Amino acid sequence: MTAPTVEALLALPASERADALEATVVAEFRAAMLMDETETLPLDKAFFELGLTSLRITDIKRRLEAALDCEISANALFNRPTVRELVAYLMSDVLVEVFPAAASPSAAASGVSASDKALVDDLLQDLYRA
């Protein structure tokens, strides 16, 4: 069974999916930062510049994973530390079935196994908890 958010994305025309995904991600960040709809969230400002902590970013990651029924690399979050870069990562590396045209050739051909990625993610999460 596919997550309702992913089903909603798939129901949209392909040309509207990126904006809808961005709106979903922005909504999670706004909620985490206790922002109302009138406040603008800078999409190109680094998470830490927005005042987020590692703990808050991890919370947003978990909520997005639940909403999108996927795994988001903690490494990717810290290597792509803006909302715009996170959305691009989700489109090209995570939600490939929703955004096949944006799929990263390196994602499939990287040669890195899912278990290796999971191990690195676990190690990074432990590091950021310390």
C-alpha atoms as a PDB file:
ATOM      1  CA  MET A   1       0.000   0.000   0.000  1.00  0.00           C
ATOM      2  CA  THR A   2       1.289   3.437  -0.969  1.00  0.00           C
ATOM      3  CA  ALA A   3       1.245   6.364   1.441  1.00  0.00           C
ATOM      4  CA  PRO A   4      -1.649   8.795   0.878  1.00  0.00           C
ATOM      5  CA  THR A   5       0.783  11.641   0.152  1.00  0.00           C
ATOM      6  CA  VAL A   6       2.513   9.588  -2.538  1.00  0.00           C
ATOM      7  CA  GLU A   7      -0.860   8.534  -3.973  1.00  0.00           C
ATOM      8  CA  ALA A   8      -1.869  12.193  -4.120  1.00  0.00           C
ATOM      9  CA  LEU A   9       1.384  13.041  -5.932  1.00  0.00           C
ATOM     10  CA  LEU A  10       0.850  10.213  -8.422  1.00  0.00           C
ATOM     11  CA  ALA A  11      -2.707  11.412  -9.083  1.00  0.00           C
ATOM     12  CA  LEU A  12      -1.409  14.807 -10.203  1.00  0.00           C
ATOM     13  CA  PRO A  13      -0.168  15.547 -13.704  1.00  0.00           C
ATOM     14  CA  ALA A  14       3.616  15.109 -13.825  1.00  0.00           C
ATOM     15  CA  SER A  15       4.040  18.852 -14.383  1.00  0.00           C
ATOM     16  CA  GLU A  16       2.441  19.624 -10.986  1.00  0.00           C
ATOM     17  CA  ARG A  17       4.142  17.003  -8.830  1.00  0.00           C
ATOM     18  CA  ALA A  18       7.315  18.945  -8.000  1.00  0.00           C
ATOM     19  CA  ASP A  19       5.329  21.906  -6.683  1.00  0.00           C
ATOM     20  CA  ALA A  20       3.122  19.590  -4.632  1.00  0.00           C
ATOM     21  CA  LEU A  21       6.150  17.814  -3.140  1.00  0.00           C
ATOM     22  CA  GLU A  22       7.756  21.154  -2.332  1.00  0.00           C
ATOM     23  CA  ALA A  23       4.540  22.266  -0.623  1.00  0.00           C
ATOM     24  CA  THR A  24       4.552  19.065   1.474  1.00  0.00           C
ATOM     25  CA  VAL A  25       8.175  19.570   2.533  1.00  0.00           C
ATOM     26  CA  VAL A  26       7.645  23.270   3.245  1.00  0.00           C
ATOM     27  CA  ALA A  27       4.586  22.443   5.367  1.00  0.00           C
ATOM     28  CA  GLU A  28       6.662  20.074   7.519  1.00  0.00           C
ATOM     29  CA  PHE A  29       9.366  22.700   8.016  1.00  0.00           C
ATOM     30  CA  ARG A  30       6.811  25.397   8.815  1.00  0.00           C
ATOM     31  CA  ALA A  31       5.129  23.139  11.363  1.00  0.00           C
ATOM     32  CA  ALA A  32       8.453  22.280  12.996  1.00  0.00           C
ATOM     33  CA  MET A  33       9.409  25.956  13.162  1.00  0.00           C
ATOM     34  CA  LEU A  34       5.943  27.025  14.406  1.00  0.00           C
ATOM     35  CA  MET A  35       5.536  29.339  11.403  1.00  0.00           C
ATOM     36  CA  ASP A  36       2.146  30.462  10.176  1.00  0.00           C
ATOM     37  CA  GLU A  37       1.114  30.543   6.521  1.00  0.00           C
ATOM     38  CA  THR A  38       1.876  34.249   6.168  1.00  0.00           C
ATOM     39  CA  GLU A  39       5.563  33.768   6.987  1.00  0.00           C
ATOM     40  CA  THR A  40       7.933  32.994   4.157  1.00  0.00           C
ATOM     41  CA  LEU A  41      10.265  30.049   4.501  1.00  0.00           C
ATOM     42  CA  PRO A  42      13.521  30.734   2.614  1.00  0.00           C
ATOM     43  CA  LEU A  43      14.051  27.675   0.417  1.00  0.00           C
ATOM     44  CA  ASP A  44      17.756  28.329  -0.201  1.00  0.00           C
ATOM     45  CA  LYS A  45      18.801  29.065   3.372  1.00  0.00           C
ATOM     46  CA  ALA A  46      20.679  26.311   5.240  1.00  0.00           C
ATOM     47  CA  PHE A  47      18.716  24.472   7.919  1.00  0.00           C
ATOM     48  CA  PHE A  48      21.011  25.675  10.700  1.00  0.00           C
ATOM     49  CA  GLU A  49      20.758  29.278   9.439  1.00  0.00           C
ATOM     50  CA  LEU A  50      16.996  28.919   9.819  1.00  0.00           C
ATOM     51  CA  GLY A  51      17.587  28.134  13.492  1.00  0.00           C
ATOM     52  CA  LEU A  52      16.990  24.396  13.253  1.00  0.00           C
ATOM     53  CA  THR A  53      18.928  21.963  15.411  1.00  0.00           C
ATOM     54  CA  SER A  54      20.050  18.437  14.495  1.00  0.00           C
ATOM     55  CA  LEU A  55      17.248  17.087  16.672  1.00  0.00           C
ATOM     56  CA  ARG A  56      14.613  19.203  14.927  1.00  0.00           C
ATOM     57  CA  ILE A  57      15.958  18.218  11.485  1.00  0.00           C
ATOM     58  CA  THR A  58      15.809  14.550  12.499  1.00  0.00           C
ATOM     59  CA  ASP A  59      12.197  15.053  13.599  1.00  0.00           C
ATOM     60  CA  ILE A  60      11.308  16.617  10.237  1.00  0.00           C
ATOM     61  CA  LYS A  61      13.088  13.727   8.493  1.00  0.00           C
ATOM     62  CA  ARG A  62      10.993  11.182  10.406  1.00  0.00           C
ATOM     63  CA  ARG A  63       7.749  12.999   9.650  1.00  0.00           C
ATOM     64  CA  LEU A  64       8.592  13.241   5.954  1.00  0.00           C
ATOM     65  CA  GLU A  65       9.522   9.553   5.891  1.00  0.00           C
ATOM     66  CA  ALA A  66       6.133   8.689   7.394  1.00  0.00           C
ATOM     67  CA  ALA A  67       4.234  10.979   5.035  1.00  0.00           C
ATOM     68  CA  LEU A  68       6.097   9.766   1.950  1.00  0.00           C
ATOM     69  CA  ASP A  69       6.569   6.132   3.052  1.00  0.00           C
ATOM     70  CA  CYS A  70      10.274   6.223   2.262  1.00  0.00           C
ATOM     71  CA  GLU A  71      13.703   6.405   3.858  1.00  0.00           C
ATOM     72  CA  ILE A  72      15.583   9.680   3.714  1.00  0.00           C
ATOM     73  CA  SER A  73      19.318   9.478   4.138  1.00  0.00           C
ATOM     74  CA  ALA A  74      20.541  11.461   7.137  1.00  0.00           C
ATOM     75  CA  ASN A  75      23.738  11.959   5.175  1.00  0.00           C
ATOM     76  CA  ALA A  76      21.778  13.529   2.324  1.00  0.00           C
ATOM     77  CA  LEU A  77      20.070  15.913   4.747  1.00  0.00           C
ATOM     78  CA  PHE A  78      23.362  17.260   5.969  1.00  0.00           C
ATOM     79  CA  ASN A  79      24.959  17.282   2.503  1.00  0.00           C
ATOM     80  CA  ARG A  80      21.931  19.037   0.995  1.00  0.00           C
ATOM     81  CA  PRO A  81      21.046  21.402   3.829  1.00  0.00           C
ATOM     82  CA  THR A  82      18.325  23.533   2.242  1.00  0.00           C
ATOM     83  CA  VAL A  83      14.667  22.873   1.542  1.00  0.00           C
ATOM     84  CA  ARG A  84      15.228  23.300  -2.208  1.00  0.00           C
ATOM     85  CA  GLU A  85      18.100  20.784  -2.195  1.00  0.00           C
ATOM     86  CA  LEU A  86      16.088  18.358  -0.067  1.00  0.00           C
ATOM     87  CA  VAL A  87      13.200  18.483  -2.547  1.00  0.00           C
ATOM     88  CA  ALA A  88      15.614  17.884  -5.442  1.00  0.00           C
ATOM     89  CA  TYR A  89      17.114  14.906  -3.578  1.00  0.00           C
ATOM     90  CA  LEU A  90      13.662  13.452  -2.881  1.00  0.00           C
ATOM     91  CA  MET A  91      12.752  13.773  -6.551  1.00  0.00           C
ATOM     92  CA  SER A  92      15.954  12.328  -7.985  1.00  0.00           C
ATOM     93  CA  ASP A  93      16.946   9.673  -5.460  1.00  0.00           C
ATOM     94  CA  VAL A  94      14.019   8.738  -3.220  1.00  0.00           C
ATOM     95  CA  LEU A  95      10.693   9.108  -5.016  1.00  0.00           C
ATOM     96  CA  VAL A  96      11.867   7.767  -8.354  1.00  0.00           C
ATOM     97  CA  GLU A  97       8.488   6.113  -9.039  1.00  0.00           C
ATOM     98  CA  VAL A  98       6.814   9.513  -8.714  1.00  0.00           C
ATOM     99  CA  PHE A  99       9.501  11.489 -10.576  1.00  0.00           C
ATOM    100  CA  PRO A 100      11.050   9.075 -13.115  1.00  0.00           C
ATOM    101  CA  ALA A 101      12.357  11.919 -15.310  1.00  0.00           C
ATOM    102  CA  ALA A 102      14.293  13.381 -12.377  1.00  0.00           C
ATOM    103  CA  ALA A 103      15.866  10.069 -11.337  1.00  0.00           C
ATOM    104  CA  SER A 104      19.564  10.371 -10.740  1.00  0.00           C
ATOM    105  CA  PRO A 105      21.644   8.038 -12.915  1.00  0.00           C
ATOM    106  CA  SER A 106      24.098   7.809 -10.040  1.00  0.00           C
ATOM    107  CA  ALA A 107      21.375   6.602  -7.668  1.00  0.00           C
ATOM    108  CA  ALA A 108      20.917   3.379  -9.588  1.00  0.00           C
ATOM    109  CA  ALA A 109      24.501   2.972 -10.730  1.00  0.00           C
ATOM    110  CA  SER A 110      26.297   3.988  -7.551  1.00  0.00           C
ATOM    111  CA  GLY A 111      27.104   0.410  -6.613  1.00  0.00           C
ATOM    112  CA  VAL A 112      26.419   1.181  -2.961  1.00  0.00           C
ATOM    113  CA  SER A 113      24.037  -1.298  -1.415  1.00  0.00           C
ATOM    114  CA  ALA A 114      21.000  -0.260   0.576  1.00  0.00           C
ATOM    115  CA  SER A 115      22.452  -1.939   3.657  1.00  0.00           C
ATOM    116  CA  ASP A 116      25.666   0.091   3.334  1.00  0.00           C
ATOM    117  CA  LYS A 117      23.630   3.298   3.043  1.00  0.00           C
ATOM    118  CA  ALA A 118      21.579   2.276   6.077  1.00  0.00           C
ATOM    119  CA  LEU A 119      24.753   1.620   8.060  1.00  0.00           C
ATOM    120  CA  VAL A 120      26.174   5.046   7.199  1.00  0.00           C
ATOM    121  CA  ASP A 121      22.841   6.670   8.088  1.00  0.00           C
ATOM    122  CA  ASP A 122      22.797   4.892  11.461  1.00  0.00           C
ATOM    123  CA  LEU A 123      26.366   5.978  12.175  1.00  0.00           C
ATOM    124  CA  LEU A 124      25.578   9.591  11.282  1.00  0.00           C
ATOM    125  CA  GLN A 125      22.470   9.583  13.461  1.00  0.00           C
ATOM    126  CA  ASP A 126      24.526   8.241  16.375  1.00  0.00           C
ATOM    127  CA  LEU A 127      27.124  10.945  15.751  1.00  0.00           C
ATOM    128  CA  TYR A 128      24.540  13.723  15.775  1.00  0.00           C
ATOM    129  CA  ARG A 129      22.947  12.360  18.952  1.00  0.00           C
ATOM    130  CA  ALA A 130      26.257  12.480  20.803  1.00  0.00           C
END
